[in-house]
């Protein structure tokens, strides 16, 4: 029997993360000590309060039924969090929907709003899940440039009028992955006006919203006047609360959009393990306490790695938040070759920029997922890289 992949599978290439890991392990077997700055998986454990809460609930015999949807407890905790931290009012019944991690939600979202051939505005470079979702829906990507001249903010003025008129969705991500450009109400105000003018639904991926190193709090797209009329925000507990393996996230905002997403999800999954939802609610209700130490840790890591790479002569995208550093290395090698060379010669594992789009050529992404001491060691090792 011959097993053949569908034609659509040609749109989904093998993950570069897998091949990087394989090569890194080969070098490790030869005696190389690795410093892995590739995958943005939190190295800090969840708060003890959360671990204990989930453990106790998981012992209960009644915890193992289908949940079908987001619990009342979870949705109300999301609404309280947005009111407290972002000064945004949400109706927990009609403006909040649970997703199995933000990746699952983002990949499925274009199915809810796009027909084959529809245009989705996204960035190049951009997070790989956006392209996956657009491909699943049979839609077409139109890439907005991220350049130094515009402070790495998506340049809406560079979108041709005929493209803007046809676009269904605009996907933004601030602080971004891989480019950690920071959000501002001023920029989001421009986004709201653009979305209203062209009747485009805005999807803001706010997975790194708690990773801010200046200012008094996260900046939510929904805090912008008029934002709830044109958009939704996606947020996750994977990064901010170190619950990556628990797979719990949510989408909030425009009621009509949330209703459509909820309808789609009712046909795709049967919800999330009840103890995870309850633990997520507890995390959101103690967000200020939990995320303060996170920011202290990551702000120091961010400072050390940024300073070290700049001293090496690398061009580093300016940022004051996020979980990554986006840097242009001083070499003519393509980004994939450079990443493999760095592993082989130094043991420092980074992600090639072209993983996130063609405009990532010449760049690498480094995740702030190691201690300050190891980040300092990574910089020292990169000094020895033959360029």
Protein backbone atom coordinates (compact mmCIF):
# COMPACT_ATOMS: atom_id res chain seq x y z
CA UNK A 1 0.00 0.00 0.00
CA UNK A 2 1.33 3.44 -0.93
CA UNK A 3 0.66 6.21 1.59
CA UNK A 4 0.65 9.68 0.06
CA UNK A 5 0.46 13.04 1.71
CA UNK A 6 -2.16 15.51 0.53
CA UNK A 7 -1.16 18.33 -1.79
CA UNK A 8 -1.76 20.74 1.07
CA UNK A 9 1.06 19.08 3.04
CA UNK A 10 3.51 20.64 0.60
CA UNK A 11 2.79 23.89 2.45
CA UNK A 12 4.09 22.45 5.73
CA UNK A 13 7.84 21.94 5.76
CA UNK A 14 9.62 19.93 8.49
CA UNK A 15 10.36 22.09 11.51
CA UNK A 16 13.86 23.58 11.60
CA UNK A 17 13.72 23.23 15.39
CA UNK A 18 13.81 19.45 14.99
CA UNK A 19 16.82 19.45 12.67
CA UNK A 20 18.65 21.93 14.91
CA UNK A 21 18.05 19.71 17.94
CA UNK A 22 19.31 16.63 16.09
CA UNK A 23 22.50 18.41 14.98
CA UNK A 24 23.02 19.90 18.45
CA UNK A 25 22.72 16.47 20.07
CA UNK A 26 25.25 15.10 17.59
CA UNK A 27 27.71 17.79 18.65
CA UNK A 28 26.92 17.13 22.29
CA UNK A 29 27.73 13.43 21.78
CA UNK A 30 31.15 14.54 20.50
CA UNK A 31 31.78 16.40 23.76
CA UNK A 32 30.42 19.89 23.02
CA UNK A 33 28.64 21.52 25.95
CA UNK A 34 25.52 23.20 24.62
CA UNK A 35 23.91 26.51 25.57
CA UNK A 36 20.45 26.25 24.04
CA UNK A 37 18.90 29.61 23.16
CA UNK A 38 16.61 28.23 20.47
CA UNK A 39 13.17 27.26 21.74
CA UNK A 40 11.20 29.88 23.67
CA UNK A 41 10.22 27.43 26.38
CA UNK A 42 10.29 28.96 29.88
CA UNK A 43 13.10 27.58 32.02
CA UNK A 44 11.51 28.88 35.22
CA UNK A 45 9.03 26.53 36.94
CA UNK A 46 5.44 27.56 37.62
CA UNK A 47 4.85 29.25 40.96
CA UNK A 48 4.63 26.72 43.79
CA UNK A 49 1.08 27.88 44.51
CA UNK A 50 0.05 26.82 41.00
CA UNK A 51 1.83 23.48 41.13
CA UNK A 52 0.20 22.62 44.45
CA UNK A 53 -3.24 23.72 43.27
CA UNK A 54 -3.12 21.61 40.12
CA UNK A 55 -1.75 18.64 42.04
CA UNK A 56 -4.57 18.69 44.61
CA UNK A 57 -7.31 19.09 42.00
CA UNK A 58 -5.84 16.29 39.90
CA UNK A 59 -6.26 13.90 42.83
CA UNK A 60 -10.01 14.41 42.83
CA UNK A 61 -12.01 11.67 41.12
CA UNK A 62 -14.48 14.21 39.76
CA UNK A 63 -11.84 16.14 37.76
CA UNK A 64 -11.70 13.89 34.72
CA UNK A 65 -14.86 14.55 32.72
CA UNK A 66 -15.19 16.56 29.54
CA UNK A 67 -15.21 20.30 30.12
CA UNK A 68 -16.45 21.07 26.56
CA UNK A 69 -15.70 24.77 26.88
CA UNK A 70 -14.15 27.36 29.14
CA UNK A 71 -15.37 27.18 32.72
CA UNK A 72 -17.21 30.08 34.34
CA UNK A 73 -14.35 30.32 36.85
CA UNK A 74 -11.74 30.65 34.09
CA UNK A 75 -13.64 33.19 31.98
CA UNK A 76 -14.38 35.38 34.99
CA UNK A 77 -10.71 35.28 36.01
CA UNK A 78 -9.72 36.45 32.51
CA UNK A 79 -12.17 39.33 32.79
CA UNK A 80 -10.85 40.31 36.23
CA UNK A 81 -7.27 40.18 34.95
CA UNK A 82 -8.06 42.49 32.02
CA UNK A 83 -9.91 44.92 34.26
CA UNK A 84 -7.12 45.01 36.83
CA UNK A 85 -4.07 45.01 34.56
CA UNK A 86 -5.32 46.65 31.36
CA UNK A 87 -8.37 48.67 32.48
CA UNK A 88 -10.41 46.81 29.86
CA UNK A 89 -13.96 45.68 30.58
CA UNK A 90 -14.86 42.21 29.25
CA UNK A 91 -18.11 40.28 29.43
CA UNK A 92 -16.88 36.82 30.50
CA UNK A 93 -19.84 35.10 28.85
CA UNK A 94 -19.67 36.72 25.42
CA UNK A 95 -16.19 38.21 25.00
CA UNK A 96 -13.91 35.41 26.23
CA UNK A 97 -13.18 32.02 24.64
CA UNK A 98 -10.79 29.33 25.88
CA UNK A 99 -8.19 27.78 23.55
CA UNK A 100 -5.78 24.85 23.92
CA UNK A 101 -2.74 27.10 23.92
CA UNK A 102 -2.38 30.16 21.72
CA UNK A 103 -0.77 28.15 18.91
CA UNK A 104 -3.87 25.98 18.52
CA UNK A 105 -6.08 29.04 18.56
CA UNK A 106 -3.99 30.98 16.05
CA UNK A 107 -3.69 28.07 13.60
CA UNK A 108 -7.44 27.48 13.58
CA UNK A 109 -8.53 31.12 13.66
CA UNK A 110 -8.28 31.84 9.88
CA UNK A 111 -10.71 28.97 9.27
CA UNK A 112 -13.36 30.99 11.09
CA UNK A 113 -13.00 34.13 8.98
CA UNK A 114 -11.29 33.35 5.67
CA UNK A 115 -12.40 31.64 2.50
CA UNK A 116 -9.86 30.18 0.06
CA UNK A 117 -7.99 33.00 -1.65
CA UNK A 118 -8.78 35.65 0.96
CA UNK A 119 -5.91 37.90 2.00
CA UNK A 120 -4.42 37.95 5.50
CA UNK A 121 -2.01 40.72 6.45
CA UNK A 122 0.89 39.46 8.53
CA UNK A 123 4.56 40.24 8.99
CA UNK A 124 7.80 38.99 7.49
CA UNK A 125 9.53 37.91 9.68
CA UNK A 126 6.67 36.57 11.77
CA UNK A 127 5.73 33.72 14.07
CA UNK A 128 5.43 30.46 12.12
CA UNK A 129 1.95 29.58 13.42
CA UNK A 130 0.43 32.47 11.48
CA UNK A 131 1.53 31.07 8.12
CA UNK A 132 0.35 27.60 9.16
CA UNK A 133 -3.15 28.88 9.95
CA UNK A 134 -3.36 30.89 6.75
CA UNK A 135 -2.35 27.82 4.75
CA UNK A 136 -4.87 25.59 6.53
CA UNK A 137 -7.65 28.01 5.56
CA UNK A 138 -6.42 28.22 1.96
CA UNK A 139 -6.00 31.97 2.35
CA UNK A 140 -3.11 34.07 1.05
CA UNK A 141 -0.52 35.96 3.07
CA UNK A 142 0.43 39.52 2.30
CA UNK A 143 3.59 40.35 4.19
CA UNK A 144 4.10 43.72 5.85
CA UNK A 145 7.75 44.69 6.15
CA UNK A 146 9.46 45.10 9.50
CA UNK A 147 12.37 47.45 9.03
CA UNK A 148 14.70 49.63 11.03
CA UNK A 149 13.31 52.81 9.47
CA UNK A 150 9.91 52.13 11.05
CA UNK A 151 11.32 50.90 14.35
CA UNK A 152 10.46 47.30 13.40
CA UNK A 153 6.76 48.17 13.67
CA UNK A 154 4.57 46.77 10.87
CA UNK A 155 4.39 49.60 8.36
CA UNK A 156 0.69 49.91 7.49
CA UNK A 157 1.43 52.71 5.05
CA UNK A 158 3.43 50.27 2.91
CA UNK A 159 0.32 48.16 2.20
CA UNK A 160 -1.09 48.94 -1.28
CA UNK A 161 -4.65 50.27 -1.34
CA UNK A 162 -5.92 47.37 -3.48
CA UNK A 163 -4.50 44.84 -0.98
CA UNK A 164 -5.94 46.61 2.05
CA UNK A 165 -9.39 46.67 0.46
CA UNK A 166 -9.34 42.89 -0.04
CA UNK A 167 -7.80 41.89 3.31
CA UNK A 168 -9.89 40.00 5.88
CA UNK A 169 -7.45 39.80 8.81
CA UNK A 170 -4.48 41.73 10.18
CA UNK A 171 -2.28 39.70 12.55
CA UNK A 172 0.01 41.61 14.93
CA UNK A 173 2.31 40.41 17.72
CA UNK A 174 3.80 42.87 20.25
CA UNK A 175 6.16 42.30 21.97
CA UNK A 176 6.91 40.16 18.96
CA UNK A 177 8.32 36.77 18.11
CA UNK A 178 10.89 36.77 16.63
CA UNK A 179 11.27 40.58 16.56
CA UNK A 180 10.45 41.95 20.03
CA UNK A 181 9.11 45.33 18.91
CA UNK A 182 7.16 46.98 21.70
CA UNK A 183 3.53 48.10 21.53
CA UNK A 184 2.22 51.58 22.18
CA UNK A 185 -1.24 53.09 22.34
CA UNK A 186 -0.16 55.54 19.62
CA UNK A 187 0.64 52.74 17.20
CA UNK A 188 -2.47 50.77 18.15
CA UNK A 189 -4.55 53.90 17.50
CA UNK A 190 -3.19 53.91 13.95
CA UNK A 191 -4.11 50.21 13.67
CA UNK A 192 -7.70 50.84 14.79
CA UNK A 193 -8.14 53.62 12.22
CA UNK A 194 -6.69 51.39 9.48
CA UNK A 195 -8.96 48.48 10.43
CA UNK A 196 -12.07 50.68 10.45
CA UNK A 197 -11.19 52.22 7.10
CA UNK A 198 -10.80 48.86 5.35
CA UNK A 199 -13.16 46.68 7.44
CA UNK A 200 -10.39 44.34 8.61
CA UNK A 201 -10.50 42.19 11.75
CA UNK A 202 -7.38 42.75 13.86
CA UNK A 203 -5.88 39.78 15.73
CA UNK A 204 -3.29 40.83 18.30
CA UNK A 205 -1.13 38.01 19.66
CA UNK A 206 -0.22 39.20 23.16
CA UNK A 207 1.55 36.06 24.36
CA UNK A 208 4.48 38.13 25.70
CA UNK A 209 2.47 40.98 27.17
CA UNK A 210 3.85 40.43 30.70
CA UNK A 211 7.44 40.62 29.44
CA UNK A 212 7.76 44.41 29.69
CA UNK A 213 10.93 45.89 31.16
CA UNK A 214 9.89 49.55 31.28
CA UNK A 215 6.61 51.21 32.29
CA UNK A 216 3.98 50.24 34.81
CA UNK A 217 2.12 47.46 33.02
CA UNK A 218 1.37 45.54 29.85
CA UNK A 219 -0.13 47.42 26.93
CA UNK A 220 -3.24 45.70 25.58
CA UNK A 221 -4.53 46.37 22.09
CA UNK A 222 -8.03 46.33 23.59
CA UNK A 223 -7.15 49.31 25.79
CA UNK A 224 -7.04 51.45 22.64
CA UNK A 225 -10.25 53.43 22.01
CA UNK A 226 -12.35 51.61 19.44
CA UNK A 227 -10.20 48.45 19.47
CA UNK A 228 -12.97 46.14 20.61
CA UNK A 229 -15.04 47.24 17.59
CA UNK A 230 -12.40 45.92 15.19
CA UNK A 231 -10.42 43.23 16.91
CA UNK A 232 -9.55 40.52 19.36
CA UNK A 233 -6.53 39.74 21.50
CA UNK A 234 -4.97 36.31 22.01
CA UNK A 235 -3.10 35.62 25.22
CA UNK A 236 -1.47 32.58 26.74
CA UNK A 237 -0.35 31.37 30.15
CA UNK A 238 2.55 29.42 28.61
CA UNK A 239 5.18 32.14 28.89
CA UNK A 240 4.01 34.55 31.58
CA UNK A 241 3.10 31.83 34.06
CA UNK A 242 5.45 29.02 32.90
CA UNK A 243 2.50 26.76 32.03
CA UNK A 244 3.71 25.89 28.52
CA UNK A 245 3.01 22.17 28.81
CA UNK A 246 -0.42 22.74 30.32
CA UNK A 247 -1.66 24.28 27.04
CA UNK A 248 -4.10 26.93 28.15
CA UNK A 249 -4.84 30.28 26.50
CA UNK A 250 -7.74 32.50 25.51
CA UNK A 251 -9.08 34.97 22.99
CA UNK A 252 -10.94 38.10 24.06
CA UNK A 253 -12.55 41.11 22.46
CA UNK A 254 -15.12 41.71 19.75
CA UNK A 255 -18.28 39.81 20.68
CA UNK A 256 -19.25 38.82 17.14
CA UNK A 257 -15.77 37.48 16.41
CA UNK A 258 -15.63 35.56 19.71
CA UNK A 259 -19.02 33.96 18.94
CA UNK A 260 -17.76 32.76 15.56
CA UNK A 261 -14.55 31.36 17.08
CA UNK A 262 -16.54 29.66 19.83
CA UNK A 263 -18.76 28.01 17.21
CA UNK A 264 -15.71 26.70 15.34
CA UNK A 265 -14.08 25.38 18.49
CA UNK A 266 -17.24 23.55 19.56
CA UNK A 267 -16.65 21.38 16.49
CA UNK A 268 -12.92 20.89 17.05
CA UNK A 269 -12.29 19.97 20.68
CA UNK A 270 -13.85 19.00 23.98
CA UNK A 271 -12.15 21.57 26.17
CA UNK A 272 -9.22 21.47 28.59
CA UNK A 273 -8.60 19.38 31.71
CA UNK A 274 -10.56 21.04 34.53
CA UNK A 275 -7.60 21.31 36.99
CA UNK A 276 -5.64 23.19 34.32
CA UNK A 277 -8.46 25.70 33.88
CA UNK A 278 -8.80 26.17 37.63
CA UNK A 279 -5.05 26.62 38.02
CA UNK A 280 -5.02 29.13 35.16
CA UNK A 281 -7.76 31.10 36.92
CA UNK A 282 -5.69 31.13 40.09
CA UNK A 283 -2.65 32.33 38.13
CA UNK A 284 -4.57 35.20 36.56
CA UNK A 285 -5.95 36.27 39.92
CA UNK A 286 -2.36 36.44 41.28
CA UNK A 287 -0.74 37.78 38.13
CA UNK A 288 0.95 40.79 39.72
CA UNK A 289 2.59 38.64 42.39
CA UNK A 290 3.73 35.93 39.96
CA UNK A 291 4.90 38.02 37.01
CA UNK A 292 6.90 40.60 39.01
CA UNK A 293 9.73 38.13 39.66
CA UNK A 294 9.52 36.93 36.05
CA UNK A 295 10.16 40.46 34.79
CA UNK A 296 13.06 40.98 37.18
CA UNK A 297 14.74 37.81 35.93
CA UNK A 298 14.14 38.39 32.22
CA UNK A 299 14.99 42.10 32.32
CA UNK A 300 18.45 41.25 33.64
CA UNK A 301 18.91 38.51 31.03
CA UNK A 302 17.76 40.87 28.30
CA UNK A 303 20.23 43.56 29.41
CA UNK A 304 23.17 41.13 29.55
CA UNK A 305 22.57 39.50 26.16
CA UNK A 306 21.80 42.77 24.35
CA UNK A 307 24.94 44.40 25.74
CA UNK A 308 27.11 41.39 24.98
CA UNK A 309 26.01 41.03 21.36
CA UNK A 310 26.36 44.76 20.68
CA UNK A 311 29.92 44.62 22.02
CA UNK A 312 30.58 41.78 19.58
CA UNK A 313 29.57 44.07 16.74
CA UNK A 314 26.18 42.49 16.09
CA UNK A 315 23.24 44.72 15.11
CA UNK A 316 20.52 44.09 17.67
CA UNK A 317 16.90 45.15 17.20
CA UNK A 318 16.09 47.64 19.98
CA UNK A 319 13.53 46.39 22.47
CA UNK A 320 12.33 46.89 26.02
CA UNK A 321 10.38 43.69 26.40
CA UNK A 322 9.71 40.24 25.05
CA UNK A 323 11.36 36.86 25.47
CA UNK A 324 13.81 37.05 22.55
CA UNK A 325 16.66 39.02 21.05
CA UNK A 326 16.67 39.52 17.26
CA UNK A 327 20.15 40.13 15.97
CA UNK A 328 22.01 40.57 12.69
CA UNK A 329 25.35 38.77 12.83
CA UNK A 330 28.47 40.13 11.07
CA UNK A 331 28.93 37.41 8.46
CA UNK A 332 28.07 36.77 4.82
CA UNK A 333 26.85 33.26 5.65
CA UNK A 334 23.14 32.59 5.21
CA UNK A 335 21.28 32.29 8.49
CA UNK A 336 20.88 28.50 8.40
CA UNK A 337 24.56 27.91 7.69
CA UNK A 338 25.49 30.42 10.39
CA UNK A 339 23.28 28.71 12.99
CA UNK A 340 24.81 25.31 12.27
CA UNK A 341 28.33 26.76 12.31
CA UNK A 342 27.65 28.37 15.69
CA UNK A 343 26.51 25.06 17.14
CA UNK A 344 29.49 23.17 15.75
CA UNK A 345 32.11 25.71 16.84
CA UNK A 346 30.66 27.16 20.05
CA UNK A 347 27.74 24.99 21.21
CA UNK A 348 25.42 28.03 21.22
CA UNK A 349 22.07 27.04 19.69
CA UNK A 350 20.13 29.83 17.95
CA UNK A 351 17.29 29.85 15.42
CA UNK A 352 18.04 30.98 11.84
CA UNK A 353 16.14 34.12 10.92
CA UNK A 354 14.70 32.60 7.74
CA UNK A 355 12.67 30.21 9.91
CA UNK A 356 10.35 33.19 10.33
CA UNK A 357 10.33 34.40 6.74
CA UNK A 358 12.59 35.46 3.89
CA UNK A 359 13.26 38.86 5.48
CA UNK A 360 14.97 37.08 8.35
CA UNK A 361 18.02 36.35 6.21
CA UNK A 362 21.16 37.50 7.95
CA UNK A 363 19.54 37.34 11.41
CA UNK A 364 19.19 34.86 14.25
CA UNK A 365 16.73 34.68 17.14
CA UNK A 366 18.04 34.07 20.64
CA UNK A 367 15.68 33.12 23.47
CA UNK A 368 16.25 34.45 26.98
CA UNK A 369 15.77 31.00 28.52
CA UNK A 370 19.09 30.53 30.30
CA UNK A 371 20.61 32.07 33.40
CA UNK A 372 22.61 35.31 33.27
CA UNK A 373 25.78 33.29 33.82
CA UNK A 374 25.08 31.06 30.82
CA UNK A 375 24.14 34.04 28.64
CA UNK A 376 27.46 35.65 29.53
CA UNK A 377 29.17 32.37 28.68
CA UNK A 378 27.30 32.24 25.34
CA UNK A 379 28.63 35.71 24.44
CA UNK A 380 32.17 34.66 25.35
CA UNK A 381 31.88 31.59 23.15
CA UNK A 382 30.50 33.58 20.23
CA UNK A 383 33.62 35.75 20.40
CA UNK A 384 35.59 32.69 19.24
CA UNK A 385 33.34 32.02 16.22
CA UNK A 386 35.35 32.19 13.01
CA UNK A 387 33.50 34.64 10.76
